[in-house]
């Protein structure tokens, strides 16, 4: 249609477990996240 393409957006790319725990978790979950070491490797 000769419409210029400005770009593509990838929605629902991933579920951020750490952010979910910070946002919705209880005090123990937040403490674990803030202490670090909850996951084996970055990412």
ModelCIF file with pLDDT and N, C-alpha, C, O atoms, coordinates in Angstrom:
data_MODEL
#
_entry.id   MODEL 
#
_entity.id                         1 
_entity.type                       polymer 
_entity.pdbx_number_of_molecules   1 
#
_entity_poly.entity_id                      1 
_entity_poly.type                           'polypeptide(L)' 
_entity_poly.nstd_linkage                   no 
_entity_poly.nstd_monomer                   no 
_entity_poly.pdbx_seq_one_letter_code       
;(UNK)(UNK)(UNK)(UNK)(UNK)(UNK)(UNK)(UNK)(UNK)(UNK)(UNK)(UNK)(UNK)(UNK)(UNK)(UNK)
(UNK)(UNK)(UNK)(UNK)(UNK)(UNK)(UNK)(UNK)(UNK)(UNK)(UNK)(UNK)(UNK)(UNK)(UNK)(UNK)
(UNK)(UNK)(UNK)(UNK)(UNK)(UNK)(UNK)(UNK)(UNK)(UNK)(UNK)
;
_entity_poly.pdbx_seq_one_letter_code_can   XXXXXXXXXXXXXXXXXXXXXXXXXXXXXXXXXXXXXXXXXXX 
_entity_poly.pdbx_strand_id                 A 
#
loop_
_entity_poly_seq.entity_id 
_entity_poly_seq.num 
_entity_poly_seq.mon_id 
_entity_poly_seq.hetero 
1 1  UNK n 
1 2  UNK n 
1 3  UNK n 
1 4  UNK n 
1 5  UNK n 
1 6  UNK n 
1 7  UNK n 
1 8  UNK n 
1 9  UNK n 
1 10 UNK n 
1 11 UNK n 
1 12 UNK n 
1 13 UNK n 
1 14 UNK n 
1 15 UNK n 
1 16 UNK n 
1 17 UNK n 
1 18 UNK n 
1 19 UNK n 
1 20 UNK n 
1 21 UNK n 
1 22 UNK n 
1 23 UNK n 
1 24 UNK n 
1 25 UNK n 
1 26 UNK n 
1 27 UNK n 
1 28 UNK n 
1 29 UNK n 
1 30 UNK n 
1 31 UNK n 
1 32 UNK n 
1 33 UNK n 
1 34 UNK n 
1 35 UNK n 
1 36 UNK n 
1 37 UNK n 
1 38 UNK n 
1 39 UNK n 
1 40 UNK n 
1 41 UNK n 
1 42 UNK n 
1 43 UNK n 
#
_struct_asym.id          A 
_struct_asym.entity_id   1 
#
loop_
_ma_qa_metric.id 
_ma_qa_metric.mode 
_ma_qa_metric.name 
_ma_qa_metric.software_group_id 
_ma_qa_metric.type 
1 global pLDDT . pLDDT 
2 local  pLDDT . pLDDT 
#
_ma_qa_metric_global.metric_id      1 
_ma_qa_metric_global.metric_value   88.47 
_ma_qa_metric_global.model_id       1 
_ma_qa_metric_global.ordinal_id     1 
#
loop_
_ma_qa_metric_local.label_asym_id 
_ma_qa_metric_local.label_comp_id 
_ma_qa_metric_local.label_seq_id 
_ma_qa_metric_local.metric_id 
_ma_qa_metric_local.metric_value 
_ma_qa_metric_local.model_id 
_ma_qa_metric_local.ordinal_id 
A UNK 1  2 91.00 1 1  
A UNK 2  2 92.00 1 2  
A UNK 3  2 93.00 1 3  
A UNK 4  2 95.00 1 4  
A UNK 5  2 96.00 1 5  
A UNK 6  2 97.00 1 6  
A UNK 7  2 97.00 1 7  
A UNK 8  2 97.00 1 8  
A UNK 9  2 97.00 1 9  
A UNK 10 2 96.00 1 10 
A UNK 11 2 96.00 1 11 
A UNK 12 2 95.00 1 12 
A UNK 13 2 95.00 1 13 
A UNK 14 2 94.00 1 14 
A UNK 15 2 93.00 1 15 
A UNK 16 2 88.00 1 16 
A UNK 17 2 89.00 1 17 
A UNK 18 2 85.00 1 18 
A UNK 19 2 85.00 1 19 
A UNK 20 2 88.00 1 20 
A UNK 21 2 88.00 1 21 
A UNK 22 2 84.00 1 22 
A UNK 23 2 83.00 1 23 
A UNK 24 2 87.00 1 24 
A UNK 25 2 87.00 1 25 
A UNK 26 2 89.00 1 26 
A UNK 27 2 89.00 1 27 
A UNK 28 2 87.00 1 28 
A UNK 29 2 86.00 1 29 
A UNK 30 2 86.00 1 30 
A UNK 31 2 87.00 1 31 
A UNK 32 2 85.00 1 32 
A UNK 33 2 83.00 1 33 
A UNK 34 2 84.00 1 34 
A UNK 35 2 83.00 1 35 
A UNK 36 2 81.00 1 36 
A UNK 37 2 77.00 1 37 
A UNK 38 2 83.00 1 38 
A UNK 39 2 84.00 1 39 
A UNK 40 2 82.00 1 40 
A UNK 41 2 84.00 1 41 
A UNK 42 2 82.00 1 42 
A UNK 43 2 84.00 1 43 
#
loop_
_atom_site.group_PDB 
_atom_site.id 
_atom_site.type_symbol 
_atom_site.label_atom_id 
_atom_site.label_alt_id 
_atom_site.label_comp_id 
_atom_site.label_asym_id 
_atom_site.label_entity_id 
_atom_site.label_seq_id 
_atom_site.pdbx_PDB_ins_code 
_atom_site.Cartn_x 
_atom_site.Cartn_y 
_atom_site.Cartn_z 
_atom_site.occupancy 
_atom_site.B_iso_or_equiv 
_atom_site.pdbx_formal_charge 
_atom_site.auth_seq_id 
_atom_site.auth_comp_id 
_atom_site.auth_asym_id 
_atom_site.auth_atom_id 
_atom_site.pdbx_PDB_model_num 
ATOM 1   N N  . UNK A 1 1  ? 0.814  -1.212  0.000  1.00 91.00 ? 1  UNK A N  1 
ATOM 2   C CA . UNK A 1 1  ? 0.000  0.000   0.000  1.00 91.00 ? 1  UNK A CA 1 
ATOM 3   C C  . UNK A 1 1  ? 0.852  1.268   0.000  1.00 91.00 ? 1  UNK A C  1 
ATOM 4   O O  . UNK A 1 1  ? 0.319  2.374   0.077  1.00 91.00 ? 1  UNK A O  1 
ATOM 5   N N  . UNK A 1 2  ? 2.179  1.108   -0.086 1.00 92.00 ? 2  UNK A N  1 
ATOM 6   C CA . UNK A 1 2  ? 3.114  2.241   -0.125 1.00 92.00 ? 2  UNK A CA 1 
ATOM 7   C C  . UNK A 1 2  ? 3.091  3.046   1.172  1.00 92.00 ? 2  UNK A C  1 
ATOM 8   O O  . UNK A 1 2  ? 3.290  4.261   1.157  1.00 92.00 ? 2  UNK A O  1 
ATOM 9   N N  . UNK A 1 3  ? 2.847  2.367   2.296  1.00 93.00 ? 3  UNK A N  1 
ATOM 10  C CA . UNK A 1 3  ? 2.878  3.019   3.599  1.00 93.00 ? 3  UNK A CA 1 
ATOM 11  C C  . UNK A 1 3  ? 4.246  2.736   4.233  1.00 93.00 ? 3  UNK A C  1 
ATOM 12  O O  . UNK A 1 3  ? 4.607  1.569   4.385  1.00 93.00 ? 3  UNK A O  1 
ATOM 13  N N  . UNK A 1 4  ? 5.014  3.757   4.603  1.00 95.00 ? 4  UNK A N  1 
ATOM 14  C CA . UNK A 1 4  ? 6.333  3.523   5.203  1.00 95.00 ? 4  UNK A CA 1 
ATOM 15  C C  . UNK A 1 4  ? 6.232  2.711   6.489  1.00 95.00 ? 4  UNK A C  1 
ATOM 16  O O  . UNK A 1 4  ? 5.322  2.928   7.289  1.00 95.00 ? 4  UNK A O  1 
ATOM 17  N N  . UNK A 1 5  ? 7.154  1.783   6.690  1.00 96.00 ? 5  UNK A N  1 
ATOM 18  C CA . UNK A 1 5  ? 7.192  0.979   7.910  1.00 96.00 ? 5  UNK A CA 1 
ATOM 19  C C  . UNK A 1 5  ? 8.055  1.683   8.954  1.00 96.00 ? 5  UNK A C  1 
ATOM 20  O O  . UNK A 1 5  ? 9.258  1.858   8.762  1.00 96.00 ? 5  UNK A O  1 
ATOM 21  N N  . UNK A 1 6  ? 7.433  2.082   10.051 1.00 97.00 ? 6  UNK A N  1 
ATOM 22  C CA . UNK A 1 6  ? 8.155  2.749   11.132 1.00 97.00 ? 6  UNK A CA 1 
ATOM 23  C C  . UNK A 1 6  ? 8.798  1.763   12.086 1.00 97.00 ? 6  UNK A C  1 
ATOM 24  O O  . UNK A 1 6  ? 9.757  2.106   12.778 1.00 97.00 ? 6  UNK A O  1 
ATOM 25  N N  . UNK A 1 7  ? 8.279  0.527   12.135 1.00 97.00 ? 7  UNK A N  1 
ATOM 26  C CA . UNK A 1 7  ? 8.919  -0.460  12.998 1.00 97.00 ? 7  UNK A CA 1 
ATOM 27  C C  . UNK A 1 7  ? 7.992  -1.549  13.489 1.00 97.00 ? 7  UNK A C  1 
ATOM 28  O O  . UNK A 1 7  ? 6.785  -1.535  13.245 1.00 97.00 ? 7  UNK A O  1 
ATOM 29  N N  . UNK A 1 8  ? 8.608  -2.513  14.201 1.00 97.00 ? 8  UNK A N  1 
ATOM 30  C CA . UNK A 1 8  ? 7.883  -3.620  14.819 1.00 97.00 ? 8  UNK A CA 1 
ATOM 31  C C  . UNK A 1 8  ? 8.083  -3.574  16.328 1.00 97.00 ? 8  UNK A C  1 
ATOM 32  O O  . UNK A 1 8  ? 9.165  -3.248  16.814 1.00 97.00 ? 8  UNK A O  1 
ATOM 33  N N  . UNK A 1 9  ? 7.018  -3.906  17.064 1.00 97.00 ? 9  UNK A N  1 
ATOM 34  C CA . UNK A 1 9  ? 7.065  -4.007  18.527 1.00 97.00 ? 9  UNK A CA 1 
ATOM 35  C C  . UNK A 1 9  ? 6.819  -5.459  18.898 1.00 97.00 ? 9  UNK A C  1 
ATOM 36  O O  . UNK A 1 9  ? 5.875  -6.077  18.405 1.00 97.00 ? 9  UNK A O  1 
ATOM 37  N N  . UNK A 1 10 ? 7.666  -6.008  19.766 1.00 96.00 ? 10 UNK A N  1 
ATOM 38  C CA . UNK A 1 10 ? 7.420  -7.358  20.279 1.00 96.00 ? 10 UNK A CA 1 
ATOM 39  C C  . UNK A 1 10 ? 6.755  -7.242  21.646 1.00 96.00 ? 10 UNK A C  1 
ATOM 40  O O  . UNK A 1 10 ? 7.386  -6.828  22.618 1.00 96.00 ? 10 UNK A O  1 
ATOM 41  N N  . UNK A 1 11 ? 5.483  -7.607  21.713 1.00 96.00 ? 11 UNK A N  1 
ATOM 42  C CA . UNK A 1 11 ? 4.733  -7.584  22.958 1.00 96.00 ? 11 UNK A CA 1 
ATOM 43  C C  . UNK A 1 11 ? 4.774  -8.969  23.602 1.00 96.00 ? 11 UNK A C  1 
ATOM 44  O O  . UNK A 1 11 ? 4.961  -9.974  22.917 1.00 96.00 ? 11 UNK A O  1 
ATOM 45  N N  . UNK A 1 12 ? 4.597  -9.014  24.929 1.00 95.00 ? 12 UNK A N  1 
ATOM 46  C CA . UNK A 1 12 ? 4.635  -10.282 25.691 1.00 95.00 ? 12 UNK A CA 1 
ATOM 47  C C  . UNK A 1 12 ? 5.963  -11.010 25.460 1.00 95.00 ? 12 UNK A C  1 
ATOM 48  O O  . UNK A 1 12 ? 5.989  -12.231 25.311 1.00 95.00 ? 12 UNK A O  1 
ATOM 49  N N  . UNK A 1 13 ? 7.054  -10.259 25.432 1.00 95.00 ? 13 UNK A N  1 
ATOM 50  C CA . UNK A 1 13 ? 8.363  -10.830 25.126 1.00 95.00 ? 13 UNK A CA 1 
ATOM 51  C C  . UNK A 1 13 ? 8.810  -11.856 26.158 1.00 95.00 ? 13 UNK A C  1 
ATOM 52  O O  . UNK A 1 13 ? 9.372  -12.896 25.816 1.00 95.00 ? 13 UNK A O  1 
ATOM 53  N N  . UNK A 1 14 ? 8.556  -11.552 27.409 1.00 94.00 ? 14 UNK A N  1 
ATOM 54  C CA . UNK A 1 14 ? 8.963  -12.460 28.486 1.00 94.00 ? 14 UNK A CA 1 
ATOM 55  C C  . UNK A 1 14 ? 8.169  -12.110 29.739 1.00 94.00 ? 14 UNK A C  1 
ATOM 56  O O  . UNK A 1 14 ? 7.538  -11.056 29.818 1.00 94.00 ? 14 UNK A O  1 
ATOM 57  N N  . UNK A 1 15 ? 8.212  -13.004 30.706 1.00 93.00 ? 15 UNK A N  1 
ATOM 58  C CA . UNK A 1 15 ? 7.613  -12.745 32.010 1.00 93.00 ? 15 UNK A CA 1 
ATOM 59  C C  . UNK A 1 15 ? 8.746  -12.514 32.995 1.00 93.00 ? 15 UNK A C  1 
ATOM 60  O O  . UNK A 1 15 ? 9.571  -13.400 33.222 1.00 93.00 ? 15 UNK A O  1 
ATOM 61  N N  . UNK A 1 16 ? 8.784  -11.325 33.579 1.00 88.00 ? 16 UNK A N  1 
ATOM 62  C CA . UNK A 1 16 ? 9.852  -10.961 34.502 1.00 88.00 ? 16 UNK A CA 1 
ATOM 63  C C  . UNK A 1 16 ? 9.463  -11.419 35.910 1.00 88.00 ? 16 UNK A C  1 
ATOM 64  O O  . UNK A 1 16 ? 8.721  -10.740 36.620 1.00 88.00 ? 16 UNK A O  1 
ATOM 65  N N  . UNK A 1 17 ? 9.982  -12.583 36.291 1.00 89.00 ? 17 UNK A N  1 
ATOM 66  C CA . UNK A 1 17 ? 9.618  -13.192 37.575 1.00 89.00 ? 17 UNK A CA 1 
ATOM 67  C C  . UNK A 1 17 ? 10.064 -12.304 38.735 1.00 89.00 ? 17 UNK A C  1 
ATOM 68  O O  . UNK A 1 17 ? 9.327  -12.128 39.705 1.00 89.00 ? 17 UNK A O  1 
ATOM 69  N N  . UNK A 1 18 ? 11.260 -11.750 38.635 1.00 85.00 ? 18 UNK A N  1 
ATOM 70  C CA . UNK A 1 18 ? 11.807 -10.930 39.715 1.00 85.00 ? 18 UNK A CA 1 
ATOM 71  C C  . UNK A 1 18 ? 10.958 -9.679  39.939 1.00 85.00 ? 18 UNK A C  1 
ATOM 72  O O  . UNK A 1 18 ? 10.663 -9.320  41.079 1.00 85.00 ? 18 UNK A O  1 
ATOM 73  N N  . UNK A 1 19 ? 10.567 -9.020  38.851 1.00 85.00 ? 19 UNK A N  1 
ATOM 74  C CA . UNK A 1 19 ? 9.717  -7.834  38.977 1.00 85.00 ? 19 UNK A CA 1 
ATOM 75  C C  . UNK A 1 19 ? 8.354  -8.191  39.558 1.00 85.00 ? 19 UNK A C  1 
ATOM 76  O O  . UNK A 1 19 ? 7.790  -7.442  40.355 1.00 85.00 ? 19 UNK A O  1 
ATOM 77  N N  . UNK A 1 20 ? 7.833  -9.346  39.148 1.00 88.00 ? 20 UNK A N  1 
ATOM 78  C CA . UNK A 1 20 ? 6.544  -9.795  39.678 1.00 88.00 ? 20 UNK A CA 1 
ATOM 79  C C  . UNK A 1 20 ? 6.618  -9.983  41.193 1.00 88.00 ? 20 UNK A C  1 
ATOM 80  O O  . UNK A 1 20 ? 5.712  -9.577  41.921 1.00 88.00 ? 20 UNK A O  1 
ATOM 81  N N  . UNK A 1 21 ? 7.704  -10.601 41.662 1.00 88.00 ? 21 UNK A N  1 
ATOM 82  C CA . UNK A 1 21 ? 7.860  -10.821 43.108 1.00 88.00 ? 21 UNK A CA 1 
ATOM 83  C C  . UNK A 1 21 ? 7.998  -9.494  43.849 1.00 88.00 ? 21 UNK A C  1 
ATOM 84  O O  . UNK A 1 21 ? 7.463  -9.335  44.946 1.00 88.00 ? 21 UNK A O  1 
ATOM 85  N N  . UNK A 1 22 ? 8.716  -8.543  43.250 1.00 84.00 ? 22 UNK A N  1 
ATOM 86  C CA . UNK A 1 22 ? 8.860  -7.235  43.886 1.00 84.00 ? 22 UNK A CA 1 
ATOM 87  C C  . UNK A 1 22 ? 7.522  -6.503  43.956 1.00 84.00 ? 22 UNK A C  1 
ATOM 88  O O  . UNK A 1 22 ? 7.236  -5.799  44.924 1.00 84.00 ? 22 UNK A O  1 
ATOM 89  N N  . UNK A 1 23 ? 6.714  -6.678  42.925 1.00 83.00 ? 23 UNK A N  1 
ATOM 90  C CA . UNK A 1 23 ? 5.444  -5.953  42.835 1.00 83.00 ? 23 UNK A CA 1 
ATOM 91  C C  . UNK A 1 23 ? 4.335  -6.618  43.621 1.00 83.00 ? 23 UNK A C  1 
ATOM 92  O O  . UNK A 1 23 ? 3.518  -5.937  44.240 1.00 83.00 ? 23 UNK A O  1 
ATOM 93  N N  . UNK A 1 24 ? 4.295  -7.955  43.603 1.00 87.00 ? 24 UNK A N  1 
ATOM 94  C CA . UNK A 1 24 ? 3.158  -8.678  44.189 1.00 87.00 ? 24 UNK A CA 1 
ATOM 95  C C  . UNK A 1 24 ? 3.535  -9.597  45.353 1.00 87.00 ? 24 UNK A C  1 
ATOM 96  O O  . UNK A 1 24 ? 2.660  -10.078 46.073 1.00 87.00 ? 24 UNK A O  1 
ATOM 97  N N  . UNK A 1 25 ? 4.817  -9.836  45.534 1.00 87.00 ? 25 UNK A N  1 
ATOM 98  C CA . UNK A 1 25 ? 5.221  -10.765 46.594 1.00 87.00 ? 25 UNK A CA 1 
ATOM 99  C C  . UNK A 1 25 ? 5.074  -10.170 47.982 1.00 87.00 ? 25 UNK A C  1 
ATOM 100 O O  . UNK A 1 25 ? 4.963  -8.954  48.141 1.00 87.00 ? 25 UNK A O  1 
ATOM 101 N N  . UNK A 1 26 ? 5.075  -11.040 48.989 1.00 89.00 ? 26 UNK A N  1 
ATOM 102 C CA . UNK A 1 26 ? 5.026  -10.593 50.365 1.00 89.00 ? 26 UNK A CA 1 
ATOM 103 C C  . UNK A 1 26 ? 6.406  -10.148 50.843 1.00 89.00 ? 26 UNK A C  1 
ATOM 104 O O  . UNK A 1 26 ? 7.360  -10.137 50.066 1.00 89.00 ? 26 UNK A O  1 
ATOM 105 N N  . UNK A 1 27 ? 6.514  -9.781  52.123 1.00 89.00 ? 27 UNK A N  1 
ATOM 106 C CA . UNK A 1 27 ? 7.797  -9.301  52.668 1.00 89.00 ? 27 UNK A CA 1 
ATOM 107 C C  . UNK A 1 27 ? 8.943  -10.286 52.476 1.00 89.00 ? 27 UNK A C  1 
ATOM 108 O O  . UNK A 1 27 ? 10.064 -9.874  52.181 1.00 89.00 ? 27 UNK A O  1 
ATOM 109 N N  . UNK A 1 28 ? 8.678  -11.586 52.639 1.00 87.00 ? 28 UNK A N  1 
ATOM 110 C CA . UNK A 1 28 ? 9.747  -12.584 52.489 1.00 87.00 ? 28 UNK A CA 1 
ATOM 111 C C  . UNK A 1 28 ? 10.228 -12.653 51.042 1.00 87.00 ? 28 UNK A C  1 
ATOM 112 O O  . UNK A 1 28 ? 11.429 -12.739 50.786 1.00 87.00 ? 28 UNK A O  1 
ATOM 113 N N  . UNK A 1 29 ? 9.285  -12.615 50.095 1.00 86.00 ? 29 UNK A N  1 
ATOM 114 C CA . UNK A 1 29 ? 9.649  -12.675 48.674 1.00 86.00 ? 29 UNK A CA 1 
ATOM 115 C C  . UNK A 1 29 ? 10.474 -11.452 48.283 1.00 86.00 ? 29 UNK A C  1 
ATOM 116 O O  . UNK A 1 29 ? 11.482 -11.572 47.587 1.00 86.00 ? 29 UNK A O  1 
ATOM 117 N N  . UNK A 1 30 ? 10.037 -10.266 48.738 1.00 86.00 ? 30 UNK A N  1 
ATOM 118 C CA . UNK A 1 30 ? 10.775 -9.051  48.408 1.00 86.00 ? 30 UNK A CA 1 
ATOM 119 C C  . UNK A 1 30 ? 12.175 -9.081  49.008 1.00 86.00 ? 30 UNK A C  1 
ATOM 120 O O  . UNK A 1 30 ? 13.139 -8.647  48.377 1.00 86.00 ? 30 UNK A O  1 
ATOM 121 N N  . UNK A 1 31 ? 12.280 -9.594  50.229 1.00 87.00 ? 31 UNK A N  1 
ATOM 122 C CA . UNK A 1 31 ? 13.582 -9.663  50.892 1.00 87.00 ? 31 UNK A CA 1 
ATOM 123 C C  . UNK A 1 31 ? 14.530 -10.573 50.128 1.00 87.00 ? 31 UNK A C  1 
ATOM 124 O O  . UNK A 1 31 ? 15.714 -10.264 49.991 1.00 87.00 ? 31 UNK A O  1 
ATOM 125 N N  . UNK A 1 32 ? 14.014 -11.700 49.627 1.00 85.00 ? 32 UNK A N  1 
ATOM 126 C CA . UNK A 1 32 ? 14.833 -12.625 48.841 1.00 85.00 ? 32 UNK A CA 1 
ATOM 127 C C  . UNK A 1 32 ? 15.329 -11.976 47.550 1.00 85.00 ? 32 UNK A C  1 
ATOM 128 O O  . UNK A 1 32 ? 16.487 -12.137 47.165 1.00 85.00 ? 32 UNK A O  1 
ATOM 129 N N  . UNK A 1 33 ? 14.434 -11.243 46.890 1.00 83.00 ? 33 UNK A N  1 
ATOM 130 C CA . UNK A 1 33 ? 14.812 -10.585 45.635 1.00 83.00 ? 33 UNK A CA 1 
ATOM 131 C C  . UNK A 1 33 ? 15.871 -9.519  45.890 1.00 83.00 ? 33 UNK A C  1 
ATOM 132 O O  . UNK A 1 33 ? 16.868 -9.438  45.173 1.00 83.00 ? 33 UNK A O  1 
ATOM 133 N N  . UNK A 1 34 ? 15.647 -8.703  46.918 1.00 84.00 ? 34 UNK A N  1 
ATOM 134 C CA . UNK A 1 34 ? 16.577 -7.617  47.213 1.00 84.00 ? 34 UNK A CA 1 
ATOM 135 C C  . UNK A 1 34 ? 17.934 -8.138  47.672 1.00 84.00 ? 34 UNK A C  1 
ATOM 136 O O  . UNK A 1 34 ? 18.953 -7.481  47.458 1.00 84.00 ? 34 UNK A O  1 
ATOM 137 N N  . UNK A 1 35 ? 17.958 -9.306  48.297 1.00 83.00 ? 35 UNK A N  1 
ATOM 138 C CA . UNK A 1 35 ? 19.231 -9.890  48.757 1.00 83.00 ? 35 UNK A CA 1 
ATOM 139 C C  . UNK A 1 35 ? 20.049 -10.437 47.593 1.00 83.00 ? 35 UNK A C  1 
ATOM 140 O O  . UNK A 1 35 ? 21.268 -10.579 47.693 1.00 83.00 ? 35 UNK A O  1 
ATOM 141 N N  . UNK A 1 36 ? 19.367 -10.744 46.484 1.00 81.00 ? 36 UNK A N  1 
ATOM 142 C CA . UNK A 1 36 ? 20.069 -11.278 45.318 1.00 81.00 ? 36 UNK A CA 1 
ATOM 143 C C  . UNK A 1 36 ? 20.322 -12.772 45.462 1.00 81.00 ? 36 UNK A C  1 
ATOM 144 O O  . UNK A 1 36 ? 20.056 -13.364 46.508 1.00 81.00 ? 36 UNK A O  1 
ATOM 145 N N  . UNK A 1 37 ? 20.835 -13.362 44.405 1.00 77.00 ? 37 UNK A N  1 
ATOM 146 C CA . UNK A 1 37 ? 21.149 -14.791 44.438 1.00 77.00 ? 37 UNK A CA 1 
ATOM 147 C C  . UNK A 1 37 ? 19.947 -15.687 44.302 1.00 77.00 ? 37 UNK A C  1 
ATOM 148 O O  . UNK A 1 37 ? 20.043 -16.891 44.537 1.00 77.00 ? 37 UNK A O  1 
ATOM 149 N N  . UNK A 1 38 ? 18.800 -15.119 43.922 1.00 83.00 ? 38 UNK A N  1 
ATOM 150 C CA . UNK A 1 38 ? 17.586 -15.915 43.786 1.00 83.00 ? 38 UNK A CA 1 
ATOM 151 C C  . UNK A 1 38 ? 17.645 -16.801 42.540 1.00 83.00 ? 38 UNK A C  1 
ATOM 152 O O  . UNK A 1 38 ? 17.021 -17.860 42.487 1.00 83.00 ? 38 UNK A O  1 
ATOM 153 N N  . UNK A 1 39 ? 18.410 -16.347 41.533 1.00 84.00 ? 39 UNK A N  1 
ATOM 154 C CA . UNK A 1 39 ? 18.533 -17.103 40.286 1.00 84.00 ? 39 UNK A CA 1 
ATOM 155 C C  . UNK A 1 39 ? 19.997 -17.441 40.030 1.00 84.00 ? 39 UNK A C  1 
ATOM 156 O O  . UNK A 1 39 ? 20.898 -16.720 40.458 1.00 84.00 ? 39 UNK A O  1 
ATOM 157 N N  . UNK A 1 40 ? 20.216 -18.540 39.331 1.00 82.00 ? 40 UNK A N  1 
ATOM 158 C CA . UNK A 1 40 ? 21.580 -19.020 39.117 1.00 82.00 ? 40 UNK A CA 1 
ATOM 159 C C  . UNK A 1 40 ? 22.416 -18.085 38.275 1.00 82.00 ? 40 UNK A C  1 
ATOM 160 O O  . UNK A 1 40 ? 23.567 -17.806 38.612 1.00 82.00 ? 40 UNK A O  1 
ATOM 161 N N  . UNK A 1 41 ? 21.857 -17.597 37.189 1.00 84.00 ? 41 UNK A N  1 
ATOM 162 C CA . UNK A 1 41 ? 22.625 -16.754 36.264 1.00 84.00 ? 41 UNK A CA 1 
ATOM 163 C C  . UNK A 1 41 ? 21.819 -15.529 35.887 1.00 84.00 ? 41 UNK A C  1 
ATOM 164 O O  . UNK A 1 41 ? 20.589 -15.574 35.908 1.00 84.00 ? 41 UNK A O  1 
ATOM 165 N N  . UNK A 1 42 ? 22.497 -14.410 35.536 1.00 82.00 ? 42 UNK A N  1 
ATOM 166 C CA . UNK A 1 42 ? 21.777 -13.221 35.076 1.00 82.00 ? 42 UNK A CA 1 
ATOM 167 C C  . UNK A 1 42 ? 20.911 -13.549 33.863 1.00 82.00 ? 42 UNK A C  1 
ATOM 168 O O  . UNK A 1 42 ? 21.354 -14.210 32.924 1.00 82.00 ? 42 UNK A O  1 
ATOM 169 N N  . UNK A 1 43 ? 19.686 -13.081 33.903 1.00 84.00 ? 43 UNK A N  1 
ATOM 170 C CA . UNK A 1 43 ? 18.743 -13.360 32.823 1.00 84.00 ? 43 UNK A CA 1 
ATOM 171 C C  . UNK A 1 43 ? 17.780 -14.487 33.142 1.00 84.00 ? 43 UNK A C  1 
ATOM 172 O O  . UNK A 1 43 ? 16.931 -14.825 32.316 1.00 84.00 ? 43 UNK A O  1 
#
